[in-house]
């Protein structure tokens, strides 16, 4: 590594390769890091190539630098604004039991209890 990178640094780089698990980004002439598929954007990413292409310039945040293995973990998502949480329905929640009315209680009898009734019906 010609330049020293630290966790938290915000840098620009160029996508040099795309794999099913993420994209490699060159930070300078001799240093590259990996943007894992989970760090590309908020939400689910099925195909990295739907979001990035080789040669594309990207802004990334350095998540981790492992000096021993010379690996740098990068994130594009960390520089994006988090989308608002999905709005939940305003209807009050009801328990499952409140959905079961008295006429449905017959369906909750055990098989042994129902067997005599079925035998009786089949003889008709």
Protein backbone atom coordinates (compact mmCIF):
# COMPACT_ATOMS: atom_id res chain seq x y z
CA UNK A 1 0.00 0.00 0.00
CA UNK A 2 1.47 3.30 -1.03
CA UNK A 3 -0.95 5.39 0.97
CA UNK A 4 -2.17 4.59 4.45
CA UNK A 5 -5.91 4.17 4.75
CA UNK A 6 -7.79 4.09 8.03
CA UNK A 7 -11.28 3.04 9.04
CA UNK A 8 -13.63 5.99 8.59
CA UNK A 9 -11.78 7.52 5.61
CA UNK A 10 -13.97 8.67 2.74
CA UNK A 11 -12.24 8.22 -0.61
CA UNK A 12 -12.96 7.89 -4.32
CA UNK A 13 -11.99 4.91 -6.38
CA UNK A 14 -12.64 3.02 -9.59
CA UNK A 15 -14.41 -0.34 -9.85
CA UNK A 16 -11.86 -2.83 -11.23
CA UNK A 17 -13.78 -6.07 -10.93
CA UNK A 18 -17.18 -7.51 -10.11
CA UNK A 19 -17.81 -10.84 -8.42
CA UNK A 20 -21.04 -12.43 -7.12
CA UNK A 21 -20.02 -11.42 -3.57
CA UNK A 22 -19.06 -7.79 -4.26
CA UNK A 23 -16.90 -5.38 -6.24
CA UNK A 24 -13.19 -4.58 -6.13
CA UNK A 25 -12.36 -0.88 -6.08
CA UNK A 26 -8.91 0.61 -6.81
CA UNK A 27 -8.17 3.38 -4.33
CA UNK A 28 -4.81 4.27 -5.89
CA UNK A 29 -2.31 2.67 -8.30
CA UNK A 30 -1.33 -0.05 -5.84
CA UNK A 31 -4.24 -0.35 -3.42
CA UNK A 32 -7.65 -1.87 -3.85
CA UNK A 33 -10.40 -2.91 -1.51
CA UNK A 34 -13.62 -4.88 -1.59
CA UNK A 35 -17.14 -3.54 -1.36
CA UNK A 36 -19.08 -6.57 -0.12
CA UNK A 37 -22.50 -7.07 -1.76
CA UNK A 38 -24.18 -6.13 1.53
CA UNK A 39 -22.36 -2.77 1.51
CA UNK A 40 -23.44 -1.63 -1.97
CA UNK A 41 -26.76 -0.04 -1.04
CA UNK A 42 -29.56 -0.22 1.51
CA UNK A 43 -31.90 -3.12 0.91
CA UNK A 44 -31.41 -6.39 -0.91
CA UNK A 45 -28.90 -6.65 -3.77
CA UNK A 46 -29.28 -9.75 -5.94
CA UNK A 47 -26.77 -8.86 -8.68
CA UNK A 48 -23.81 -6.56 -8.08
CA UNK A 49 -23.75 -5.69 -11.79
CA UNK A 50 -27.20 -4.09 -11.48
CA UNK A 51 -25.59 -1.36 -9.33
CA UNK A 52 -21.95 -1.16 -10.41
CA UNK A 53 -19.87 -1.61 -13.56
CA UNK A 54 -16.15 -1.98 -14.21
CA UNK A 55 -14.55 1.43 -14.73
CA UNK A 56 -17.21 3.28 -12.73
CA UNK A 57 -15.98 5.96 -10.31
CA UNK A 58 -17.43 5.52 -6.80
CA UNK A 59 -17.17 7.21 -3.43
CA UNK A 60 -16.54 4.73 -0.62
CA UNK A 61 -16.00 4.68 3.11
CA UNK A 62 -13.21 2.55 4.56
CA UNK A 63 -14.76 0.16 7.06
CA UNK A 64 -11.70 -1.86 8.05
CA UNK A 65 -8.03 -2.18 7.16
CA UNK A 66 -6.26 -5.45 7.91
CA UNK A 67 -2.56 -4.56 7.66
CA UNK A 68 -1.48 -8.16 8.11
CA UNK A 69 -3.45 -9.52 5.15
CA UNK A 70 -3.43 -6.16 3.30
CA UNK A 71 -7.22 -6.31 2.86
CA UNK A 72 -9.43 -3.24 2.93
CA UNK A 73 -13.19 -3.46 3.48
CA UNK A 74 -15.17 -0.69 1.81
CA UNK A 75 -18.78 0.53 1.83
CA UNK A 76 -20.83 2.61 -0.56
CA UNK A 77 -23.95 2.17 1.57
CA UNK A 78 -22.32 3.90 4.56
CA UNK A 79 -22.24 7.14 2.54
CA UNK A 80 -25.90 6.93 1.53
CA UNK A 81 -28.80 8.32 3.49
CA UNK A 82 -30.82 5.58 5.17
CA UNK A 83 -34.26 5.26 3.55
CA UNK A 84 -37.24 5.92 5.81
CA UNK A 85 -38.69 2.88 7.53
CA UNK A 86 -41.80 1.39 5.99
CA UNK A 87 -44.97 2.80 7.49
CA UNK A 88 -47.06 0.32 9.41
CA UNK A 89 -50.82 0.17 9.21
CA UNK A 90 -52.69 2.25 11.76
CA UNK A 91 -55.16 -0.59 12.47
CA UNK A 92 -54.93 -1.90 16.02
CA UNK A 93 -53.49 -5.39 16.26
CA UNK A 94 -55.77 -8.20 17.36
CA UNK A 95 -54.76 -11.51 18.82
CA UNK A 96 -55.39 -14.70 16.90
CA UNK A 97 -57.87 -15.78 19.53
CA UNK A 98 -60.01 -12.71 18.89
CA UNK A 99 -60.40 -13.89 15.28
CA UNK A 100 -61.82 -17.26 16.33
CA UNK A 101 -65.51 -17.12 17.03
CA UNK A 102 -67.55 -19.70 18.87
CA UNK A 103 -68.78 -21.48 15.72
CA UNK A 104 -65.17 -22.21 14.80
CA UNK A 105 -64.54 -24.08 18.02
CA UNK A 106 -65.72 -27.32 16.42
CA UNK A 107 -62.61 -27.33 14.27
CA UNK A 108 -60.44 -27.45 17.37
CA UNK A 109 -61.73 -30.82 18.59
CA UNK A 110 -59.22 -33.62 18.63
CA UNK A 111 -59.28 -36.36 16.02
CA UNK A 112 -60.39 -38.88 18.63
CA UNK A 113 -63.40 -36.73 19.54
CA UNK A 114 -64.35 -36.24 15.89
CA UNK A 115 -63.95 -39.91 14.93
CA UNK A 116 -67.22 -41.02 16.56
CA UNK A 117 -69.10 -38.23 14.81
CA UNK A 118 -67.60 -39.19 11.42
CA UNK A 119 -68.46 -42.88 11.89
CA UNK A 120 -72.01 -41.95 12.77
CA UNK A 121 -72.32 -39.72 9.68
CA UNK A 122 -70.86 -42.34 7.33
CA UNK A 123 -73.59 -44.84 8.32
CA UNK A 124 -76.38 -42.55 7.22
